Amino acid sequence: MRFLVRDRLLGIGDDYWIEDDRGEKVFLVDGKAMRLRDTFELKDRQGRVLIDIRQKMFALRDTMIIERNGEPLATIRRKRLSLLRNHYRVSLADGGTELDVSGKILDREFAVEYDGELLAVVSRRWLHVRETYGVDIVREDADPALLIAVAVCVIHLAEKERED
């Protein structure tokens, strides 16, 4: 499954659609302005909230929390020692599963893996439209909404880190 994201400066309050490879709107990323912490909602075409994304308050390192139906789903934070590339760890709420996100986040060239197995690739390489990147979900049984939320989070965290 491939999804296209029109790249914006992911400022809070920005809303943008994510389309499938046929150009149909699938997900809306709704940035919530005027909040104490960075907050996004991932919605379906009908406006139903599928995933809530918010910044964790009072964390030593910038951390984003992903929730589904009010229940924690994942926590995302930058790995401590990552010299050459951006590395983020996604800890799922089940307590044992961790996803690894690594690559050139700001260039929109990175991968999401679980236990060495590729789940998704985020890339601008196979697109010819400026300011657009793709999220290619590799595994059939992967949760597209979760993987798109992970991409939104790591890009947001990387851009925030660059600003600081």
N, C-alpha and C. Protein backbone atom coordinates (compact mmCIF):
# COMPACT_ATOMS: atom_id res chain seq x y z
N MET A 1 0.84 -1.18 0.00
CA MET A 1 0.00 0.00 0.00
C MET A 1 0.88 1.24 0.00
N ARG A 2 0.59 2.14 -0.89
CA ARG A 2 1.33 3.40 -0.94
C ARG A 2 0.40 4.55 -0.63
N PHE A 3 0.95 5.49 0.13
CA PHE A 3 0.22 6.70 0.48
C PHE A 3 1.08 7.90 0.11
N LEU A 4 0.44 8.97 -0.33
CA LEU A 4 1.14 10.20 -0.71
C LEU A 4 0.82 11.29 0.30
N VAL A 5 1.87 11.96 0.75
CA VAL A 5 1.71 13.04 1.73
C VAL A 5 2.26 14.30 1.10
N ARG A 6 1.43 15.32 0.99
CA ARG A 6 1.88 16.63 0.51
C ARG A 6 2.63 17.26 1.67
N ASP A 7 3.92 17.41 1.48
CA ASP A 7 4.79 17.85 2.57
C ASP A 7 4.57 19.32 2.87
N ARG A 8 4.24 19.59 4.11
CA ARG A 8 4.12 20.96 4.60
C ARG A 8 5.07 21.10 5.76
N LEU A 9 5.33 22.33 6.10
CA LEU A 9 6.06 22.55 7.35
C LEU A 9 5.07 22.20 8.43
N LEU A 10 5.25 21.06 9.04
CA LEU A 10 4.25 20.51 9.94
C LEU A 10 4.06 21.40 11.17
N GLY A 11 3.58 22.57 10.93
CA GLY A 11 3.29 23.47 12.03
C GLY A 11 1.99 23.08 12.70
N ILE A 12 1.88 23.39 13.94
CA ILE A 12 0.64 23.09 14.64
C ILE A 12 -0.46 23.94 14.04
N GLY A 13 -1.60 23.33 13.83
CA GLY A 13 -2.71 24.01 13.21
C GLY A 13 -2.82 23.70 11.73
N ASP A 14 -1.79 23.09 11.14
CA ASP A 14 -1.85 22.69 9.74
C ASP A 14 -2.66 21.42 9.61
N ASP A 15 -3.55 21.42 8.64
CA ASP A 15 -4.31 20.22 8.30
C ASP A 15 -3.91 19.81 6.90
N TYR A 16 -3.76 18.53 6.67
CA TYR A 16 -3.44 18.07 5.32
C TYR A 16 -3.93 16.65 5.13
N TRP A 17 -4.25 16.34 3.86
CA TRP A 17 -4.76 15.03 3.50
C TRP A 17 -3.64 14.10 3.08
N ILE A 18 -3.80 12.84 3.38
CA ILE A 18 -2.92 11.79 2.89
C ILE A 18 -3.76 10.97 1.92
N GLU A 19 -3.22 10.79 0.70
CA GLU A 19 -3.94 10.10 -0.35
C GLU A 19 -3.36 8.72 -0.61
N ASP A 20 -4.19 7.83 -1.15
CA ASP A 20 -3.66 6.54 -1.57
C ASP A 20 -3.04 6.71 -2.96
N ASP A 21 -2.53 5.61 -3.51
CA ASP A 21 -1.83 5.71 -4.80
C ASP A 21 -2.76 5.98 -5.98
N ARG A 22 -4.07 5.97 -5.75
CA ARG A 22 -5.04 6.33 -6.79
C ARG A 22 -5.48 7.79 -6.67
N GLY A 23 -4.91 8.51 -5.69
CA GLY A 23 -5.25 9.92 -5.52
C GLY A 23 -6.48 10.17 -4.66
N GLU A 24 -7.00 9.12 -4.02
CA GLU A 24 -8.17 9.28 -3.16
C GLU A 24 -7.74 9.65 -1.74
N LYS A 25 -8.43 10.60 -1.15
CA LYS A 25 -8.13 11.01 0.22
C LYS A 25 -8.48 9.88 1.18
N VAL A 26 -7.50 9.52 2.03
CA VAL A 26 -7.69 8.40 2.94
C VAL A 26 -7.65 8.87 4.39
N PHE A 27 -6.63 9.67 4.75
CA PHE A 27 -6.46 10.14 6.12
C PHE A 27 -6.30 11.66 6.11
N LEU A 28 -6.82 12.29 7.16
CA LEU A 28 -6.62 13.72 7.38
C LEU A 28 -5.77 13.87 8.63
N VAL A 29 -4.67 14.60 8.52
CA VAL A 29 -3.88 14.94 9.70
C VAL A 29 -4.35 16.32 10.12
N ASP A 30 -4.94 16.38 11.30
CA ASP A 30 -5.54 17.60 11.82
C ASP A 30 -4.66 18.11 12.96
N GLY A 31 -3.89 19.17 12.69
CA GLY A 31 -3.05 19.77 13.70
C GLY A 31 -3.87 20.68 14.60
N LYS A 32 -3.74 20.52 15.87
CA LYS A 32 -4.52 21.31 16.84
C LYS A 32 -3.71 22.50 17.32
N ALA A 33 -4.17 23.68 16.99
CA ALA A 33 -3.50 24.91 17.39
C ALA A 33 -3.95 25.32 18.79
N MET A 34 -3.19 26.23 19.35
CA MET A 34 -3.52 26.83 20.64
C MET A 34 -3.59 25.82 21.78
N ARG A 35 -2.70 24.89 21.77
CA ARG A 35 -2.61 23.92 22.85
C ARG A 35 -1.27 24.09 23.55
N LEU A 36 -1.18 23.66 24.79
CA LEU A 36 0.08 23.72 25.51
C LEU A 36 1.13 22.81 24.91
N ARG A 37 0.69 21.70 24.35
CA ARG A 37 1.63 20.74 23.76
C ARG A 37 1.21 20.46 22.33
N ASP A 38 2.17 19.99 21.54
CA ASP A 38 1.91 19.67 20.14
C ASP A 38 0.91 18.51 20.08
N THR A 39 -0.14 18.70 19.30
CA THR A 39 -1.21 17.70 19.22
C THR A 39 -1.71 17.58 17.78
N PHE A 40 -1.92 16.33 17.34
CA PHE A 40 -2.47 16.04 16.03
C PHE A 40 -3.53 14.96 16.18
N GLU A 41 -4.45 14.92 15.23
CA GLU A 41 -5.38 13.80 15.14
C GLU A 41 -5.30 13.25 13.72
N LEU A 42 -5.29 11.94 13.61
CA LEU A 42 -5.35 11.27 12.32
C LEU A 42 -6.79 10.80 12.16
N LYS A 43 -7.47 11.33 11.13
CA LYS A 43 -8.89 11.05 10.93
C LYS A 43 -9.10 10.32 9.61
N ASP A 44 -10.21 9.59 9.53
CA ASP A 44 -10.57 8.95 8.27
C ASP A 44 -11.36 9.96 7.41
N ARG A 45 -11.82 9.52 6.25
CA ARG A 45 -12.55 10.41 5.32
C ARG A 45 -13.81 11.00 5.93
N GLN A 46 -14.44 10.26 6.82
CA GLN A 46 -15.69 10.71 7.44
C GLN A 46 -15.45 11.62 8.64
N GLY A 47 -14.20 11.87 8.97
CA GLY A 47 -13.89 12.76 10.09
C GLY A 47 -13.77 12.06 11.43
N ARG A 48 -13.85 10.73 11.44
CA ARG A 48 -13.71 9.99 12.70
C ARG A 48 -12.22 9.95 13.09
N VAL A 49 -11.96 10.21 14.36
CA VAL A 49 -10.58 10.18 14.86
C VAL A 49 -10.13 8.73 14.99
N LEU A 50 -9.07 8.38 14.26
CA LEU A 50 -8.50 7.04 14.33
C LEU A 50 -7.38 6.97 15.36
N ILE A 51 -6.56 8.03 15.37
CA ILE A 51 -5.40 8.07 16.24
C ILE A 51 -5.19 9.49 16.74
N ASP A 52 -4.87 9.61 18.03
CA ASP A 52 -4.47 10.89 18.63
C ASP A 52 -2.97 10.87 18.81
N ILE A 53 -2.34 11.98 18.47
CA ILE A 53 -0.88 12.12 18.61
C ILE A 53 -0.64 13.37 19.44
N ARG A 54 0.13 13.21 20.50
CA ARG A 54 0.40 14.39 21.33
C ARG A 54 1.81 14.32 21.90
N GLN A 55 2.32 15.49 22.20
CA GLN A 55 3.64 15.58 22.83
C GLN A 55 3.50 15.23 24.30
N LYS A 56 4.43 14.47 24.80
CA LYS A 56 4.43 14.15 26.23
C LYS A 56 5.03 15.33 26.97
N MET A 57 4.33 15.75 27.98
CA MET A 57 4.79 16.88 28.78
C MET A 57 5.81 16.41 29.80
N PHE A 58 6.74 17.27 30.12
CA PHE A 58 7.72 17.04 31.18
C PHE A 58 8.56 15.79 30.96
N ALA A 59 9.01 15.59 29.73
CA ALA A 59 9.91 14.47 29.43
C ALA A 59 11.32 15.01 29.26
N LEU A 60 12.33 14.21 29.62
CA LEU A 60 13.71 14.63 29.46
C LEU A 60 14.06 14.85 28.00
N ARG A 61 13.60 13.97 27.14
CA ARG A 61 13.78 14.12 25.69
C ARG A 61 12.41 14.29 25.06
N ASP A 62 12.38 15.00 23.93
CA ASP A 62 11.10 15.15 23.24
C ASP A 62 10.50 13.78 22.97
N THR A 63 9.25 13.62 23.33
CA THR A 63 8.55 12.35 23.23
C THR A 63 7.15 12.61 22.72
N MET A 64 6.70 11.76 21.81
CA MET A 64 5.33 11.83 21.31
C MET A 64 4.60 10.56 21.74
N ILE A 65 3.32 10.72 22.04
CA ILE A 65 2.47 9.61 22.46
C ILE A 65 1.40 9.41 21.38
N ILE A 66 1.20 8.16 20.99
CA ILE A 66 0.13 7.82 20.03
C ILE A 66 -0.91 7.03 20.81
N GLU A 67 -2.19 7.46 20.67
CA GLU A 67 -3.29 6.79 21.36
C GLU A 67 -4.37 6.42 20.35
N ARG A 68 -5.08 5.33 20.65
CA ARG A 68 -6.24 4.93 19.86
C ARG A 68 -7.39 4.71 20.83
N ASN A 69 -8.49 5.39 20.59
CA ASN A 69 -9.68 5.30 21.46
C ASN A 69 -9.35 5.59 22.91
N GLY A 70 -8.47 6.56 23.14
CA GLY A 70 -8.12 6.95 24.49
C GLY A 70 -7.12 6.05 25.18
N GLU A 71 -6.72 4.97 24.53
CA GLU A 71 -5.77 4.03 25.11
C GLU A 71 -4.39 4.23 24.48
N PRO A 72 -3.33 4.19 25.29
CA PRO A 72 -1.98 4.33 24.73
C PRO A 72 -1.69 3.22 23.71
N LEU A 73 -1.10 3.61 22.59
CA LEU A 73 -0.74 2.66 21.54
C LEU A 73 0.77 2.58 21.38
N ALA A 74 1.45 3.75 21.44
CA ALA A 74 2.90 3.77 21.25
C ALA A 74 3.49 5.06 21.80
N THR A 75 4.78 4.98 22.13
CA THR A 75 5.57 6.13 22.56
C THR A 75 6.77 6.23 21.64
N ILE A 76 7.04 7.44 21.15
CA ILE A 76 8.15 7.64 20.21
C ILE A 76 9.13 8.63 20.79
N ARG A 77 10.41 8.23 20.77
CA ARG A 77 11.46 9.16 21.21
C ARG A 77 12.73 8.85 20.43
N ARG A 78 13.60 9.83 20.36
CA ARG A 78 14.87 9.68 19.65
C ARG A 78 15.78 8.78 20.47
N LYS A 79 16.50 7.90 19.79
CA LYS A 79 17.49 7.07 20.49
C LYS A 79 18.62 7.97 20.96
N ARG A 80 19.22 7.61 22.06
CA ARG A 80 20.26 8.46 22.65
C ARG A 80 21.51 8.55 21.79
N LEU A 81 22.01 7.43 21.35
CA LEU A 81 23.25 7.43 20.58
C LEU A 81 22.97 7.11 19.13
N SER A 82 22.86 8.14 18.33
CA SER A 82 22.68 7.96 16.89
C SER A 82 23.44 9.09 16.21
N LEU A 83 24.65 8.77 15.77
CA LEU A 83 25.55 9.79 15.28
C LEU A 83 25.32 10.18 13.83
N LEU A 84 25.27 9.22 12.93
CA LEU A 84 25.24 9.54 11.52
C LEU A 84 23.84 9.73 10.95
N ARG A 85 22.89 9.00 11.46
CA ARG A 85 21.54 9.05 10.94
C ARG A 85 20.59 9.31 12.10
N ASN A 86 19.38 9.71 11.75
CA ASN A 86 18.36 9.86 12.77
C ASN A 86 17.82 8.48 13.12
N HIS A 87 17.74 8.18 14.40
CA HIS A 87 17.17 6.93 14.88
C HIS A 87 16.12 7.25 15.94
N TYR A 88 14.95 6.67 15.77
CA TYR A 88 13.89 6.82 16.75
C TYR A 88 13.41 5.44 17.16
N ARG A 89 12.99 5.33 18.41
CA ARG A 89 12.46 4.08 18.93
C ARG A 89 10.97 4.28 19.18
N VAL A 90 10.19 3.34 18.68
CA VAL A 90 8.75 3.33 18.89
C VAL A 90 8.44 2.17 19.81
N SER A 91 8.04 2.46 21.03
CA SER A 91 7.71 1.41 22.01
C SER A 91 6.19 1.25 22.01
N LEU A 92 5.72 0.08 21.58
CA LEU A 92 4.28 -0.17 21.58
C LEU A 92 3.80 -0.45 22.99
N ALA A 93 2.53 -0.18 23.22
CA ALA A 93 1.96 -0.27 24.56
C ALA A 93 1.89 -1.70 25.08
N ASP A 94 2.09 -2.70 24.21
CA ASP A 94 2.05 -4.08 24.68
C ASP A 94 3.23 -4.41 25.58
N GLY A 95 4.21 -3.49 25.65
CA GLY A 95 5.33 -3.64 26.58
C GLY A 95 6.54 -4.36 26.02
N GLY A 96 6.39 -5.12 24.96
CA GLY A 96 7.53 -5.87 24.46
C GLY A 96 7.93 -5.54 23.03
N THR A 97 7.04 -4.93 22.29
CA THR A 97 7.31 -4.67 20.88
C THR A 97 7.92 -3.29 20.69
N GLU A 98 9.03 -3.26 19.96
CA GLU A 98 9.66 -1.98 19.62
C GLU A 98 9.92 -1.93 18.13
N LEU A 99 9.59 -0.80 17.55
CA LEU A 99 9.88 -0.54 16.15
C LEU A 99 11.08 0.38 16.09
N ASP A 100 11.88 0.22 15.06
CA ASP A 100 13.05 1.07 14.87
C ASP A 100 12.82 1.92 13.63
N VAL A 101 13.01 3.22 13.77
CA VAL A 101 12.88 4.16 12.66
C VAL A 101 14.24 4.77 12.44
N SER A 102 14.79 4.62 11.23
CA SER A 102 16.12 5.16 10.97
C SER A 102 16.24 5.62 9.53
N GLY A 103 17.10 6.61 9.36
CA GLY A 103 17.35 7.16 8.04
C GLY A 103 17.51 8.66 8.12
N LYS A 104 17.30 9.31 7.00
CA LYS A 104 17.40 10.76 6.92
C LYS A 104 15.99 11.34 7.04
N ILE A 105 15.58 11.57 8.27
CA ILE A 105 14.20 11.97 8.55
C ILE A 105 13.85 13.28 7.85
N LEU A 106 14.70 14.29 7.99
CA LEU A 106 14.41 15.60 7.41
C LEU A 106 14.37 15.56 5.89
N ASP A 107 15.07 14.60 5.28
CA ASP A 107 15.04 14.43 3.82
C ASP A 107 13.89 13.53 3.38
N ARG A 108 13.12 13.03 4.33
CA ARG A 108 12.00 12.11 4.07
C ARG A 108 12.49 10.84 3.38
N GLU A 109 13.59 10.30 3.91
CA GLU A 109 14.16 9.05 3.41
C GLU A 109 14.48 8.17 4.62
N PHE A 110 13.50 7.38 5.06
CA PHE A 110 13.74 6.53 6.22
C PHE A 110 12.87 5.28 6.18
N ALA A 111 13.19 4.35 7.07
CA ALA A 111 12.49 3.07 7.11
C ALA A 111 11.98 2.81 8.52
N VAL A 112 10.90 2.04 8.62
CA VAL A 112 10.35 1.57 9.88
C VAL A 112 10.49 0.05 9.88
N GLU A 113 11.17 -0.47 10.91
CA GLU A 113 11.42 -1.91 10.99
C GLU A 113 10.97 -2.47 12.33
N TYR A 114 10.65 -3.76 12.30
CA TYR A 114 10.38 -4.50 13.52
C TYR A 114 11.27 -5.73 13.51
N ASP A 115 12.15 -5.82 14.48
CA ASP A 115 13.03 -6.98 14.62
C ASP A 115 13.78 -7.28 13.32
N GLY A 116 14.26 -6.22 12.67
CA GLY A 116 15.03 -6.37 11.44
C GLY A 116 14.20 -6.55 10.18
N GLU A 117 12.88 -6.65 10.32
CA GLU A 117 12.00 -6.83 9.17
C GLU A 117 11.38 -5.49 8.79
N LEU A 118 11.45 -5.16 7.51
CA LEU A 118 10.94 -3.89 7.00
C LEU A 118 9.42 -3.87 7.04
N LEU A 119 8.85 -2.82 7.66
CA LEU A 119 7.41 -2.63 7.70
C LEU A 119 6.96 -1.55 6.72
N ALA A 120 7.73 -0.46 6.65
CA ALA A 120 7.35 0.66 5.79
C ALA A 120 8.58 1.45 5.39
N VAL A 121 8.48 2.08 4.22
CA VAL A 121 9.54 2.95 3.72
C VAL A 121 8.92 4.31 3.43
N VAL A 122 9.56 5.36 3.92
CA VAL A 122 9.13 6.72 3.63
C VAL A 122 10.19 7.29 2.68
N SER A 123 9.73 7.80 1.53
CA SER A 123 10.69 8.25 0.53
C SER A 123 10.10 9.28 -0.41
N ARG A 124 10.98 10.15 -0.90
CA ARG A 124 10.63 11.08 -1.97
C ARG A 124 11.14 10.58 -3.31
N ARG A 125 11.98 9.57 -3.29
CA ARG A 125 12.68 9.13 -4.51
C ARG A 125 11.76 8.72 -5.64
N TRP A 126 10.70 8.00 -5.33
CA TRP A 126 9.86 7.49 -6.41
C TRP A 126 8.73 8.44 -6.79
N LEU A 127 8.82 9.69 -6.32
CA LEU A 127 7.81 10.69 -6.67
C LEU A 127 8.46 11.82 -7.45
N HIS A 128 7.70 12.37 -8.37
CA HIS A 128 8.20 13.48 -9.17
C HIS A 128 7.53 14.79 -8.80
N VAL A 129 6.62 14.76 -7.86
CA VAL A 129 5.91 15.96 -7.43
C VAL A 129 6.70 16.59 -6.29
N ARG A 130 6.99 17.87 -6.43
CA ARG A 130 7.72 18.57 -5.37
C ARG A 130 6.94 18.60 -4.09
N GLU A 131 7.66 18.64 -3.00
CA GLU A 131 7.05 18.76 -1.67
C GLU A 131 6.08 17.62 -1.35
N THR A 132 6.35 16.45 -1.88
CA THR A 132 5.52 15.28 -1.61
C THR A 132 6.43 14.11 -1.27
N TYR A 133 6.02 13.31 -0.32
CA TYR A 133 6.74 12.08 -0.03
C TYR A 133 5.75 10.94 0.07
N GLY A 134 6.26 9.74 -0.06
CA GLY A 134 5.40 8.57 -0.02
C GLY A 134 5.67 7.73 1.22
N VAL A 135 4.63 7.07 1.66
CA VAL A 135 4.75 6.08 2.73
C VAL A 135 4.31 4.76 2.10
N ASP A 136 5.27 3.87 1.93
CA ASP A 136 5.02 2.58 1.30
C ASP A 136 4.96 1.52 2.40
N ILE A 137 3.76 1.00 2.67
CA ILE A 137 3.57 -0.03 3.68
C ILE A 137 3.91 -1.37 3.03
N VAL A 138 4.96 -2.02 3.51
CA VAL A 138 5.50 -3.21 2.87
C VAL A 138 4.73 -4.47 3.30
N ARG A 139 4.45 -4.59 4.59
CA ARG A 139 3.77 -5.80 5.09
C ARG A 139 2.26 -5.65 4.98
N GLU A 140 1.63 -6.70 4.49
CA GLU A 140 0.18 -6.71 4.32
C GLU A 140 -0.57 -6.57 5.65
N ASP A 141 -0.03 -7.18 6.72
CA ASP A 141 -0.73 -7.19 8.00
C ASP A 141 -0.38 -6.00 8.89
N ALA A 142 0.38 -5.04 8.36
CA ALA A 142 0.76 -3.86 9.14
C ALA A 142 -0.43 -2.90 9.25
N ASP A 143 -0.44 -2.11 10.28
CA ASP A 143 -1.49 -1.13 10.55
C ASP A 143 -1.12 0.19 9.87
N PRO A 144 -1.74 0.52 8.71
CA PRO A 144 -1.37 1.74 7.99
C PRO A 144 -1.52 3.01 8.83
N ALA A 145 -2.59 3.12 9.59
CA ALA A 145 -2.80 4.33 10.40
C ALA A 145 -1.68 4.50 11.42
N LEU A 146 -1.26 3.42 12.06
CA LEU A 146 -0.17 3.50 13.03
C LEU A 146 1.13 3.90 12.35
N LEU A 147 1.45 3.30 11.22
CA LEU A 147 2.71 3.60 10.55
C LEU A 147 2.73 5.03 10.00
N ILE A 148 1.61 5.52 9.54
CA ILE A 148 1.54 6.92 9.10
C ILE A 148 1.69 7.84 10.31
N ALA A 149 1.06 7.49 11.43
CA ALA A 149 1.21 8.28 12.65
C ALA A 149 2.67 8.30 13.10
N VAL A 150 3.37 7.18 12.99
CA VAL A 150 4.79 7.12 13.33
C VAL A 150 5.57 8.06 12.43
N ALA A 151 5.30 8.05 11.13
CA ALA A 151 6.00 8.95 10.21
C ALA A 151 5.75 10.41 10.57
N VAL A 152 4.51 10.76 10.84
CA VAL A 152 4.17 12.13 11.24
C VAL A 152 4.94 12.53 12.49
N CYS A 153 5.00 11.63 13.46
CA CYS A 153 5.68 11.92 14.73
C CYS A 153 7.18 12.13 14.55
N VAL A 154 7.85 11.22 13.85
CA VAL A 154 9.30 11.34 13.76
C VAL A 154 9.69 12.56 12.93
N ILE A 155 8.92 12.88 11.90
CA ILE A 155 9.21 14.10 11.13
C ILE A 155 9.01 15.32 12.00
N HIS A 156 7.94 15.34 12.77
CA HIS A 156 7.69 16.46 13.67
C HIS A 156 8.81 16.61 14.70
N LEU A 157 9.22 15.49 15.31
CA LEU A 157 10.29 15.54 16.31
C LEU A 157 11.62 16.00 15.69
N ALA A 158 11.93 15.51 14.50
CA ALA A 158 13.18 15.90 13.83
C ALA A 158 13.18 17.38 13.46
N GLU A 159 12.04 17.89 12.98
CA GLU A 159 11.97 19.31 12.63
C GLU A 159 12.03 20.18 13.87
N LYS A 160 11.42 19.72 14.93
CA LYS A 160 11.46 20.47 16.19
C LYS A 160 12.89 20.51 16.73
N GLU A 161 13.59 19.38 16.63
CA GLU A 161 14.98 19.32 17.09
C GLU A 161 15.87 20.25 16.27
N ARG A 162 15.62 20.31 14.96
CA ARG A 162 16.38 21.20 14.08
C ARG A 162 16.17 22.66 14.45
N GLU A 163 14.93 23.00 14.82
CA GLU A 163 14.62 24.38 15.21
C GLU A 163 15.33 24.77 16.50
N ASP A 164 15.45 23.80 17.41
CA ASP A 164 16.09 24.09 18.71
C ASP A 164 17.57 24.19 18.51
